[in-house]
Protein backbone atom coordinates (compact mmCIF):
# COMPACT_ATOMS: atom_id res chain seq x y z
CA MET A 1 -84.30 189.97 36.34
CA GLY A 2 -83.71 192.78 38.81
CA MET A 3 -79.94 192.41 38.60
CA ALA A 4 -80.03 192.68 34.79
CA PHE A 5 -82.18 195.82 34.91
CA ALA A 6 -79.79 197.39 37.43
CA TYR A 7 -77.02 197.60 34.82
CA PHE A 8 -78.99 200.01 32.61
CA SER A 9 -79.90 203.65 33.12
CA THR A 10 -83.50 204.80 33.20
CA ALA A 11 -83.08 206.49 29.80
CA GLN A 12 -81.73 203.25 28.31
CA LEU A 13 -84.59 201.20 29.76
CA VAL A 14 -87.40 203.42 28.45
CA PRO A 15 -87.49 201.92 24.90
CA PHE A 16 -87.08 198.42 26.38
CA ILE A 17 -90.08 198.96 28.67
CA ILE A 18 -92.11 200.41 25.79
CA GLY A 19 -91.16 197.43 23.65
CA GLY A 20 -92.08 195.05 26.45
CA VAL A 21 -95.46 196.69 26.94
CA CYS A 22 -96.13 196.55 23.18
CA LEU A 23 -95.17 192.89 23.11
CA ILE A 24 -97.38 192.07 26.09
CA CYS A 25 -100.29 193.91 24.45
CA SER A 26 -99.60 192.13 21.17
CA ILE A 27 -99.70 188.68 22.78
CA GLY A 28 -102.81 189.53 24.79
CA LEU A 29 -104.64 190.94 21.79
CA PHE A 30 -103.73 187.96 19.63
CA LEU A 31 -104.98 185.47 22.19
CA GLY A 32 -108.09 187.64 22.44
CA SER A 33 -108.63 187.33 18.67
CA SER A 34 -107.71 190.93 17.75
CA ARG A 35 -105.31 189.88 15.01
CA LYS A 36 -104.62 193.10 13.10
CA LEU A 37 -104.18 195.20 16.22
CA SER A 38 -101.88 192.58 17.71
CA LEU A 39 -99.62 192.81 14.64
CA ILE A 40 -99.45 196.60 14.96
CA PHE A 41 -98.26 196.20 18.55
CA LEU A 42 -95.85 193.44 17.47
CA PHE A 43 -94.28 195.74 14.89
CA SER A 44 -94.11 198.61 17.40
CA GLY A 45 -92.55 196.31 19.98
CA ALA A 46 -89.89 195.20 17.50
CA ILE A 47 -89.05 198.82 16.66
CA SER A 48 -88.76 199.68 20.36
CA LEU A 49 -86.55 196.68 21.14
CA GLY A 50 -84.36 197.63 18.19
CA PHE A 51 -84.03 201.20 19.48
CA PHE A 52 -83.26 199.93 22.98
CA ILE A 53 -80.34 197.76 21.99
CA SER A 54 -79.07 200.11 19.26
CA ASN A 55 -78.75 203.00 21.70
CA LEU A 56 -76.58 201.15 24.22
CA ASP A 57 -73.30 201.71 22.35
CA PRO A 58 -72.54 205.41 21.67
CA PHE A 59 -69.86 204.40 19.18
CA LEU A 60 -69.38 202.25 16.09
CA ASN A 61 -68.31 198.67 16.75
CA LEU A 62 -65.19 197.00 15.40
CA TRP A 63 -64.88 195.50 12.85
CA ASP A 64 -67.48 195.57 10.15
CA GLU A 65 -69.86 198.23 11.43
CA GLN A 66 -67.15 200.89 11.36
CA PHE A 67 -66.23 200.16 7.75
CA HIS A 68 -69.83 199.86 6.58
CA ALA A 69 -70.66 203.15 8.26
CA LEU A 70 -67.73 205.03 6.74
CA VAL A 71 -68.31 203.73 3.21
CA ALA A 72 -72.02 204.57 3.53
CA ARG A 73 -71.22 208.10 4.70
CA ASN A 74 -68.97 208.63 1.69
CA MET A 75 -71.73 207.24 -0.54
CA VAL A 76 -73.98 210.11 0.55
CA GLU A 77 -71.91 212.27 -1.81
CA THR A 78 -71.06 209.63 -4.41
CA PRO A 79 -73.64 206.80 -4.32
CA LEU A 80 -72.14 205.11 -7.39
CA MET A 81 -68.59 205.43 -6.09
CA PRO A 82 -68.17 203.45 -2.85
CA ARG A 83 -65.11 204.81 -1.07
CA LEU A 84 -63.43 203.96 2.19
CA TYR A 85 -61.06 206.91 2.19
CA PRO A 86 -62.70 210.03 0.72
CA VAL A 87 -59.36 210.91 -0.94
CA PRO A 88 -56.42 208.54 -1.42
CA ILE A 89 -53.75 210.75 0.17
CA LEU A 90 -51.24 207.97 0.79
CA GLU A 91 -50.49 204.71 -0.97
CA TYR A 92 -53.00 201.89 -0.62
CA THR A 93 -53.66 198.40 -1.95
CA HIS A 94 -56.95 197.50 -3.59
CA THR A 95 -56.69 193.96 -2.19
CA ASP A 96 -57.05 195.10 1.43
CA TRP A 97 -60.64 196.09 2.23
CA THR A 98 -59.51 197.67 5.53
CA GLN A 99 -57.39 200.38 3.89
CA ASN A 100 -58.24 200.67 0.20
CA TYR A 101 -59.93 203.50 -1.70
CA ILE A 102 -62.68 202.18 -4.00
CA TRP A 103 -64.58 199.81 -1.68
CA LEU A 104 -66.40 196.95 -3.40
CA HIS A 105 -65.94 194.36 -0.66
CA LYS A 106 -69.71 194.17 -0.19
CA GLN A 107 -72.60 194.62 -2.59
CA PRO A 108 -74.08 198.13 -2.28
CA LEU A 109 -77.79 197.96 -1.38
CA PHE A 110 -77.50 197.92 2.40
CA LEU A 111 -74.86 200.67 2.16
CA TRP A 112 -77.23 202.81 0.09
CA GLN A 113 -79.87 202.32 2.77
CA ILE A 114 -77.46 203.45 5.49
CA ALA A 115 -76.32 206.37 3.32
CA LEU A 116 -79.93 207.52 2.95
CA SER A 117 -80.39 207.33 6.72
CA ILE A 118 -77.21 209.37 7.27
CA LYS A 119 -78.41 211.89 4.68
CA LEU A 120 -81.70 212.29 6.57
CA PHE A 121 -80.49 212.12 10.17
CA GLY A 122 -76.79 212.96 10.14
CA ALA A 123 -73.66 210.91 10.76
CA SER A 124 -74.44 209.04 13.97
CA GLU A 125 -74.36 205.44 15.09
CA LEU A 126 -78.16 205.40 15.39
CA ALA A 127 -78.53 206.59 11.79
CA VAL A 128 -76.28 203.69 10.75
CA ARG A 129 -78.44 201.20 12.66
CA LEU A 130 -81.87 202.62 11.79
CA PRO A 131 -82.37 200.77 8.45
CA GLY A 132 -81.62 197.50 10.23
CA ILE A 133 -84.19 198.26 12.93
CA LEU A 134 -86.89 198.87 10.32
CA MET A 135 -86.02 195.73 8.35
CA PHE A 136 -85.93 193.69 11.55
CA ALA A 137 -89.46 194.80 12.46
CA LEU A 138 -90.84 194.28 8.95
CA ALA A 139 -89.25 190.83 8.71
CA ALA A 140 -91.27 189.78 11.77
CA LEU A 141 -94.47 190.45 9.80
CA PHE A 142 -93.12 188.33 6.94
CA VAL A 143 -92.43 185.52 9.40
CA TYR A 144 -96.00 185.77 10.63
CA ARG A 145 -97.43 185.51 7.12
CA ILE A 146 -95.17 182.58 6.17
CA GLY A 147 -96.21 180.72 9.30
CA LYS A 148 -99.88 181.49 8.77
CA ILE A 149 -99.89 180.30 5.17
CA ALA A 150 -97.73 177.24 5.77
CA TYR A 151 -99.06 176.06 9.13
CA SER A 152 -101.47 178.17 11.20
CA ASP A 153 -102.22 181.68 12.37
CA ARG A 154 -101.05 180.84 15.89
CA VAL A 155 -97.72 179.35 14.83
CA GLY A 156 -97.09 182.32 12.53
CA PHE A 157 -97.67 184.77 15.37
CA PHE A 158 -95.71 182.86 18.01
CA GLY A 159 -92.86 182.45 15.52
CA ALA A 160 -92.83 186.20 14.85
CA VAL A 161 -92.68 186.93 18.60
CA PHE A 162 -89.76 184.54 19.02
CA PHE A 163 -88.07 186.01 15.94
CA ILE A 164 -87.89 189.54 17.37
CA SER A 165 -86.64 188.17 20.69
CA VAL A 166 -83.55 186.30 19.48
CA ASN A 167 -80.56 187.86 21.26
CA TYR A 168 -78.13 187.15 18.43
CA LEU A 169 -80.35 188.90 15.90
CA LEU A 170 -80.82 191.90 18.18
CA GLU A 171 -77.05 192.11 18.62
CA LEU A 172 -76.59 192.21 14.85
CA LEU A 173 -78.51 195.50 14.93
CA THR A 174 -75.82 196.96 17.18
CA GLY A 175 -72.89 195.88 15.02
CA LYS A 176 -71.68 193.56 17.77
CA HIS A 177 -71.47 190.45 15.56
CA SER A 178 -69.96 190.30 12.10
CA THR A 179 -71.16 191.13 9.54
CA ASP A 180 -73.85 193.14 11.30
CA HIS A 181 -76.05 195.33 9.06
CA ASN A 182 -75.12 193.38 5.97
CA ASP A 183 -76.52 190.20 7.52
CA VAL A 184 -79.65 191.96 8.81
CA ALA A 185 -80.40 193.27 5.32
CA PHE A 186 -79.65 189.89 3.75
CA LEU A 187 -81.93 188.12 6.22
CA PHE A 188 -84.65 190.67 5.45
CA TYR A 189 -84.54 190.31 1.67
CA VAL A 190 -84.20 186.52 1.69
CA THR A 191 -87.13 186.30 4.12
CA ALA A 192 -89.08 188.70 1.91
CA SER A 193 -88.44 186.53 -1.15
CA PHE A 194 -89.81 183.50 0.72
CA TRP A 195 -92.79 185.52 1.95
CA ALA A 196 -93.60 186.57 -1.62
CA TRP A 197 -93.23 182.95 -2.75
CA PHE A 198 -95.65 181.69 -0.10
CA GLU A 199 -98.11 184.46 -1.00
CA TYR A 200 -97.82 183.49 -4.67
CA GLN A 201 -98.47 179.84 -3.90
CA ALA A 202 -101.58 180.85 -1.97
CA LYS A 203 -102.92 183.47 -4.42
CA LYS A 204 -101.30 182.77 -7.84
CA SER A 205 -101.02 186.46 -8.71
CA VAL A 206 -98.38 187.85 -11.09
CA TYR A 207 -97.84 190.62 -8.53
CA TRP A 208 -96.15 188.13 -6.21
CA ILE A 209 -94.00 186.71 -9.00
CA VAL A 210 -92.58 190.18 -9.60
CA LEU A 211 -92.00 190.68 -5.88
CA ILE A 212 -90.13 187.37 -5.64
CA GLY A 213 -87.82 188.61 -8.37
CA ILE A 214 -87.35 192.02 -6.77
CA PHE A 215 -86.57 190.68 -3.31
CA SER A 216 -84.20 188.01 -4.60
CA GLY A 217 -82.42 190.64 -6.66
CA CYS A 218 -82.13 192.87 -3.61
CA ALA A 219 -80.71 189.95 -1.62
CA ILE A 220 -78.00 189.49 -4.25
CA LEU A 221 -77.26 193.23 -4.07
CA VAL A 222 -76.59 192.74 -0.36
CA LYS A 223 -74.64 189.48 -0.07
CA TRP A 224 -74.22 187.94 -3.51
CA LEU A 225 -75.50 184.72 -5.04
CA VAL A 226 -76.95 182.96 -2.00
CA GLY A 227 -79.77 185.44 -2.59
CA LEU A 228 -80.91 183.02 -5.31
CA LEU A 229 -81.92 180.49 -2.64
CA ILE A 230 -85.62 180.95 -3.37
CA TYR A 231 -85.14 179.65 -6.92
CA ALA A 232 -83.47 176.43 -5.76
CA VAL A 233 -86.38 175.88 -3.39
CA TRP A 234 -88.95 176.82 -6.02
CA PHE A 235 -87.47 174.35 -8.51
CA LEU A 236 -87.60 171.50 -6.00
CA THR A 237 -91.31 172.15 -5.30
CA ILE A 238 -92.45 172.07 -8.94
CA GLY A 239 -92.98 168.32 -8.89
CA ALA A 240 -94.32 168.22 -5.33
CA ASN A 241 -97.77 166.94 -6.31
CA ASN A 242 -96.88 165.14 -9.52
CA ARG A 243 -93.37 164.25 -10.69
CA LYS A 244 -94.47 164.72 -14.29
CA ASP A 245 -94.77 168.45 -13.55
CA PHE A 246 -90.97 168.62 -13.65
CA PHE A 247 -91.17 167.97 -17.40
CA ARG A 248 -93.91 170.50 -18.25
CA ILE A 249 -92.26 173.66 -19.52
CA LYS A 250 -95.22 175.90 -18.62
CA ASN A 251 -94.62 175.17 -14.93
CA TYR A 252 -91.32 177.05 -15.17
CA TYR A 253 -92.76 180.24 -16.70
CA PRO A 254 -93.50 181.99 -13.37
CA MET A 255 -90.03 181.18 -12.07
CA LEU A 256 -88.40 182.41 -15.28
CA ILE A 257 -90.35 185.69 -15.10
CA ALA A 258 -89.25 186.21 -11.50
CA PHE A 259 -85.65 185.33 -12.41
CA GLY A 260 -85.75 187.87 -15.24
CA VAL A 261 -86.79 190.54 -12.75
CA THR A 262 -83.95 189.46 -10.44
CA MET A 263 -81.43 189.87 -13.26
CA LEU A 264 -82.81 193.34 -14.06
CA ILE A 265 -82.20 194.27 -10.44
CA THR A 266 -78.71 192.83 -10.06
CA LEU A 267 -76.89 192.92 -13.40
CA PRO A 268 -76.69 196.71 -13.93
CA TRP A 269 -74.51 197.22 -10.85
CA GLN A 270 -72.19 194.33 -11.73
CA LEU A 271 -71.72 195.61 -15.27
CA PHE A 272 -71.25 199.16 -14.01
CA ILE A 273 -68.46 198.35 -11.55
CA LEU A 274 -66.68 196.13 -14.08
CA ASN A 275 -66.61 199.13 -16.40
CA ALA A 276 -65.99 201.90 -13.84
CA TYR A 277 -63.66 200.06 -11.44
CA PRO A 278 -62.35 197.05 -13.39
CA VAL A 279 -59.33 196.29 -11.17
CA GLU A 280 -61.25 196.38 -7.88
CA ALA A 281 -64.35 194.65 -9.27
CA THR A 282 -62.40 191.81 -10.87
CA TYR A 283 -60.49 191.21 -7.66
CA GLU A 284 -63.67 191.11 -5.52
CA PHE A 285 -65.46 188.77 -7.93
CA LYS A 286 -62.49 186.40 -7.81
CA LEU A 287 -62.39 186.65 -4.01
CA ASN A 288 -66.09 185.75 -3.81
CA SER A 289 -65.50 182.68 -5.92
CA THR A 290 -62.75 181.44 -3.56
CA HIS A 291 -64.96 181.41 -0.44
CA PHE A 292 -66.24 177.92 -1.17
CA PHE A 293 -62.85 176.28 -1.67
CA HIS A 294 -60.56 178.33 0.58
CA ALA A 295 -60.97 179.78 4.10
CA VAL A 296 -60.83 183.49 3.30
CA GLU A 297 -59.06 185.69 5.88
CA GLY A 298 -58.68 182.77 8.24
CA HIS A 299 -62.44 182.22 8.65
CA GLY A 300 -62.31 178.43 8.51
CA GLY A 301 -63.69 175.50 10.44
CA ASP A 302 -64.72 171.88 10.15
CA PHE A 303 -67.97 170.45 8.78
CA TRP A 304 -69.74 170.79 12.16
CA TYR A 305 -68.87 174.47 12.65
CA HIS A 306 -72.37 175.81 11.97
CA PHE A 307 -74.01 173.16 14.12
CA ARG A 308 -71.88 174.23 17.08
CA VAL A 309 -72.79 177.85 16.37
CA LEU A 310 -76.46 176.95 16.96
CA LYS A 311 -75.81 177.41 20.68
CA LYS A 312 -74.40 180.88 20.10
CA ILE A 313 -77.32 181.98 17.97
CA TYR A 314 -80.23 180.29 19.73
CA GLY A 315 -79.03 179.63 23.28
CA SER A 316 -76.24 177.96 25.21
CA GLY A 317 -78.05 174.92 26.60
CA ASP A 318 -76.98 171.45 25.46
CA LEU A 319 -80.58 170.63 24.58
CA ILE A 320 -80.97 173.61 22.21
CA PRO A 321 -79.98 171.79 18.98
CA PHE A 322 -82.31 168.90 19.78
CA LEU A 323 -85.21 171.21 20.64
CA LEU A 324 -84.70 173.13 17.40
CA LEU A 325 -84.63 169.90 15.40
CA ALA A 326 -87.77 168.62 17.15
CA GLY A 327 -89.52 171.92 16.42
CA LEU A 328 -88.59 171.81 12.75
CA ILE A 329 -89.84 168.24 12.46
CA ILE A 330 -93.15 169.16 14.09
CA PHE A 331 -93.42 172.20 11.82
CA LEU A 332 -92.69 170.20 8.68
CA ILE A 333 -95.12 167.43 9.58
CA GLY A 334 -97.88 169.93 10.28
CA THR A 335 -97.51 172.11 7.19
CA ARG A 336 -100.67 172.37 5.10
CA HIS A 337 -99.22 171.27 1.77
CA ARG A 338 -96.47 169.00 0.58
CA LYS A 339 -95.09 171.89 -1.49
CA TYR A 340 -94.59 173.99 1.64
CA ARG A 341 -92.95 171.07 3.43
CA ILE A 342 -90.44 170.61 0.61
CA ALA A 343 -89.72 174.35 0.43
CA ILE A 344 -89.01 174.78 4.14
CA GLY A 345 -87.07 171.54 4.51
CA ALA A 346 -85.04 172.20 1.38
CA ALA A 347 -84.17 175.74 2.51
CA VAL A 348 -82.76 174.50 5.81
CA VAL A 349 -80.90 171.55 4.27
CA ILE A 350 -79.45 173.60 1.39
CA VAL A 351 -78.23 176.42 3.64
CA TYR A 352 -76.66 174.22 6.30
CA GLY A 353 -75.35 171.76 3.74
CA PHE A 354 -73.79 174.43 1.53
CA PHE A 355 -72.13 176.42 4.30
CA SER A 356 -70.97 173.29 6.13
CA ILE A 357 -69.14 172.12 3.00
CA ALA A 358 -67.83 175.61 2.10
CA ALA A 359 -64.31 176.30 3.36
CA THR A 360 -65.06 179.81 4.62
CA LYS A 361 -67.06 179.83 7.85
CA MET A 362 -68.65 182.74 9.74
CA ASP A 363 -71.20 182.59 12.53
CA SER A 364 -74.01 184.40 10.71
CA PHE A 365 -73.90 182.56 7.39
CA CYS A 366 -76.86 180.29 8.22
CA ILE A 367 -78.97 182.95 9.90
CA ILE A 368 -81.18 183.28 6.81
CA VAL A 369 -83.11 180.18 7.93
CA LEU A 370 -83.72 181.67 11.39
CA PRO A 371 -87.38 182.43 10.48
CA PHE A 372 -88.04 178.74 9.82
CA VAL A 373 -86.22 177.73 12.99
CA MET A 374 -88.37 180.11 15.04
CA LEU A 375 -91.53 178.89 13.33
CA GLY A 376 -90.44 175.38 14.25
CA MET A 377 -90.03 176.43 17.88
CA ALA A 378 -93.48 178.03 17.69
CA ALA A 379 -94.98 174.80 16.33
CA PHE A 380 -93.35 172.88 19.19
CA VAL A 381 -94.79 175.24 21.80
CA ASP A 382 -98.21 175.32 20.12
CA LYS A 383 -98.38 171.53 20.17
CA ILE A 384 -97.92 171.65 23.93
CA PHE A 385 -100.56 174.38 24.24
CA LEU A 386 -103.10 172.43 22.22
CA TRP A 387 -102.43 169.27 24.22
CA ILE A 388 -102.99 171.14 27.50
CA ALA A 389 -106.09 172.84 26.10
CA GLY A 390 -107.49 169.41 25.31
CA LYS A 391 -107.13 168.49 28.97
CA ASN A 392 -108.51 171.77 30.33
CA ARG A 393 -111.97 173.10 29.47
CA PHE A 394 -111.40 176.59 30.94
CA HIS A 395 -110.63 178.78 27.90
CA TRP A 396 -109.53 181.79 29.97
CA LEU A 397 -107.08 179.66 31.94
CA ASN A 398 -105.57 178.26 28.74
CA ASN A 399 -105.11 181.79 27.37
CA LEU A 400 -103.50 182.96 30.61
CA PHE A 401 -101.10 180.03 30.55
CA GLN A 402 -100.18 180.67 26.91
CA PHE A 403 -99.76 184.39 27.60
CA ILE A 404 -97.33 183.71 30.43
CA ILE A 405 -95.33 181.09 28.53
CA ILE A 406 -94.98 183.09 25.29
CA GLY A 407 -94.07 186.25 27.21
CA GLY A 408 -91.63 184.37 29.42
CA LEU A 409 -89.93 182.64 26.51
CA SER A 410 -89.65 185.92 24.65
CA TYR A 411 -87.97 187.59 27.65
CA SER A 412 -85.60 184.65 28.11
CA PHE A 413 -84.63 184.71 24.41
CA ILE A 414 -83.73 188.42 24.68
CA ASN A 415 -81.38 187.50 27.55
CA LEU A 416 -81.03 190.89 29.19
CA SER A 417 -78.07 189.73 31.28
CA LYS A 418 -76.18 188.86 28.10
CA VAL A 419 -77.08 192.25 26.63
CA ALA A 420 -75.67 193.92 29.74
CA GLY A 421 -72.52 191.83 29.43
CA TYR A 422 -71.91 193.23 25.97
CA HIS A 423 -72.99 196.82 26.42
CA VAL A 424 -72.44 197.82 30.05
CA ASP A 425 -69.14 198.32 31.87
CA LYS A 426 -69.04 195.27 34.13
CA GLY A 427 -65.27 194.93 34.27
CA ASN A 428 -65.03 191.85 32.04
CA ALA A 429 -62.82 191.18 29.03
CA VAL A 430 -65.60 191.96 26.56
CA ASN A 431 -66.00 195.41 28.05
CA GLU A 432 -62.29 196.19 27.85
CA LEU A 433 -62.91 196.89 24.17
CA ARG A 434 -65.91 199.01 25.17
CA SER A 435 -63.67 201.13 27.42
CA GLN A 436 -61.28 201.66 24.52
CA ASN A 437 -64.18 202.70 22.30
CA LEU A 438 -65.41 205.25 24.82
CA LYS A 439 -61.89 206.65 25.19
CA LEU A 440 -61.62 206.95 21.42
CA MET A 441 -64.96 208.80 21.30
CA GLN A 442 -63.58 211.35 23.77
CA PHE A 443 -60.66 211.89 21.41
CA ILE A 444 -63.04 212.24 18.46
CA ASP A 445 -65.24 214.74 20.32
CA GLN A 446 -62.33 217.09 20.97
CA LEU A 447 -60.65 216.65 17.60
CA PRO A 448 -62.70 219.29 15.67
CA ARG A 449 -61.70 221.92 18.24
CA GLU A 450 -58.04 221.05 17.67
CA VAL A 451 -57.95 221.03 13.87
CA LYS A 452 -60.61 223.72 13.23
CA GLU A 453 -61.83 223.88 9.63
CA GLN A 454 -58.45 223.49 7.93
CA PRO A 455 -58.08 220.29 5.85
CA TYR A 456 -56.04 217.91 7.97
CA VAL A 457 -54.56 214.48 7.76
CA VAL A 458 -54.43 213.08 11.29
CA PHE A 459 -52.23 210.20 12.39
CA ILE A 460 -53.53 208.24 15.41
CA PRO A 461 -51.06 205.55 16.51
CA ASN A 462 -52.15 205.31 20.15
CA HIS A 463 -55.66 203.89 20.15
CA ARG A 464 -56.92 200.42 19.31
CA LEU A 465 -56.85 198.87 15.85
CA LYS A 466 -58.40 200.87 12.99
CA SER A 467 -59.36 203.89 15.09
CA SER A 468 -58.89 205.98 11.92
CA VAL A 469 -62.17 204.62 10.52
CA PRO A 470 -64.57 206.04 13.17
CA VAL A 471 -62.48 209.24 13.28
CA MET A 472 -63.21 209.77 9.58
CA PHE A 473 -66.88 208.87 10.05
CA TYR A 474 -67.52 211.43 12.79
CA THR A 475 -65.22 214.25 11.60
CA HIS A 476 -64.08 215.97 8.41
CA VAL A 477 -60.44 214.84 8.68
CA ILE A 478 -58.61 212.04 6.88
CA ALA A 479 -56.98 209.68 9.36
CA TYR A 480 -54.38 206.91 9.52
CA ASP A 481 -53.41 204.53 12.33
CA PHE A 482 -49.64 204.72 12.13
CA ILE A 483 -46.68 207.04 12.60
CA PRO A 484 -45.83 208.46 9.15
CA THR A 485 -42.43 208.37 7.55
CA GLN A 486 -40.76 211.58 6.38
CA GLU A 487 -41.62 210.66 2.79
CA GLN A 488 -45.29 210.21 3.70
CA LEU A 489 -45.34 213.59 5.47
CA GLU A 490 -43.93 215.30 2.39
CA LYS A 491 -46.56 213.61 0.24
CA VAL A 492 -49.34 214.94 2.50
CA TRP A 493 -47.99 218.49 2.46
CA LYS A 494 -47.62 218.45 -1.31
CA GLN A 495 -51.38 217.87 -1.52
CA SER A 496 -52.06 220.99 0.60
CA TYR A 497 -53.11 219.19 3.76
CA ALA A 498 -51.97 220.10 7.24
CA VAL A 499 -50.69 217.33 9.49
CA ALA A 500 -51.64 216.45 13.07
CA ILE A 501 -50.50 213.48 15.13
CA GLU A 502 -51.51 212.14 18.49
CA ASP A 503 -48.50 212.51 20.76
CA ASN A 504 -47.77 209.42 22.82
CA GLY A 505 -44.59 210.88 24.25
CA ASN A 506 -42.51 208.61 22.10
CA LEU A 507 -42.57 210.25 18.68
CA PRO A 508 -39.48 210.18 16.44
CA ASP A 509 -37.36 213.32 16.32
CA TYR A 510 -38.34 214.28 12.77
CA ILE A 511 -41.94 214.61 13.97
CA ARG A 512 -41.36 215.97 17.47
CA GLU A 513 -39.07 218.75 16.21
CA ASP A 514 -41.16 219.79 13.19
CA ALA A 515 -43.23 222.87 14.08
CA ARG A 516 -45.51 222.36 11.08
CA ILE A 517 -47.01 219.26 12.71
CA LEU A 518 -49.80 219.78 15.23
CA LYS A 519 -49.26 217.54 18.25
CA LEU A 520 -52.53 216.32 19.79
């Protein structure tokens, strides 16, 4: 523990310590039967942990975070016109999301959220990560409610504590894992749709039907049609108590109302982009449809890919997959109603089954069932607690034991040593990229003093891949990652832009000898 803390500065550790104190208070208050206050501290602890890890990298991470951030910044000015480059100075191809102009590679909701944050707080990496921090903390409360309704108050709370402690999820907030903020938002809205569904099953209010539709629609506006997962689960639960219910039309009315709301949320944007940007939109829709049958951009793998990734997401031990499975089984057996059991089991099976069969594979695809996995782990731990409590009549001793175990597991899930390995200069291969990022930020910091207020196109061939993207995010210049040809230079000048290029000491003569070009 001490070694891990030693890698961080005092300023970096302050939000971690605050988050730890909030989490300790939350666990203590919950075990002491102060439920509402414990949830306030849980939410505060999640916010603090999110701030801690999001402040460790004073730069945008490659790949996805940089592109998401730049498109979101441009959407501050044109929210209905997602752009990667603010102006298409040089030629581009609409089929390459890393260098095109109109950027429809992702659905827009999470980008709008980041754009709003940038509008309020300025163009900074923390502003980019702030919406994810808030959604991460709110999702923990949804996990609590799902667990409470489906199983018990205790399992809901323990599951929420474990949820905010998962290292992989925390790292998504920093942009370290692809596809970072997109996956955080998707996890949030899918979890919210399940929360609303569980609330509806418990209360039967039209209010929750509408919320199911809204949250599912929002999920689609983040990461496309897997956001409809709640409807597949809902359908399978209709005949949970009586198979004849499958054939009673009235049982489908609530689902159809919710689905109508979902379509009202999602269809306008799809119709808009098909009309406003038909070439780009058609291409992206076709690309989305190929993910299932073809490994897009080389992201392939065999059927067992996502089962191997369990160790990356939940821990590296060989027993992790078996513990997770045991927890899910305990959770499913102990759920209060058959309908809940079908819903949770179906969600896990559908997600892992679908993405295991699909040709395109990425580590975070199955993360939307993380809430159920953590609730399963909570059910596992609670079973042990209840068994021990049955053997020990001292209530205070049982609470102390549970306090220590839950707090200890939470700290181990965070894995501070792993956090340090990603975000602190320890001389390893992972941090070689960090050193390049820091060097690039030094270049970015001095760039405004070099180019002043004149409109510039800057060519940066000397840094790591796609350094032009963060340069455009943090400054007012348009940037490219290559040495321009003479024809490209003439094209820039014809559009009334000045030209600057980072001098690596090996520039071609037509650039080195041209006094019009500012050498950086």
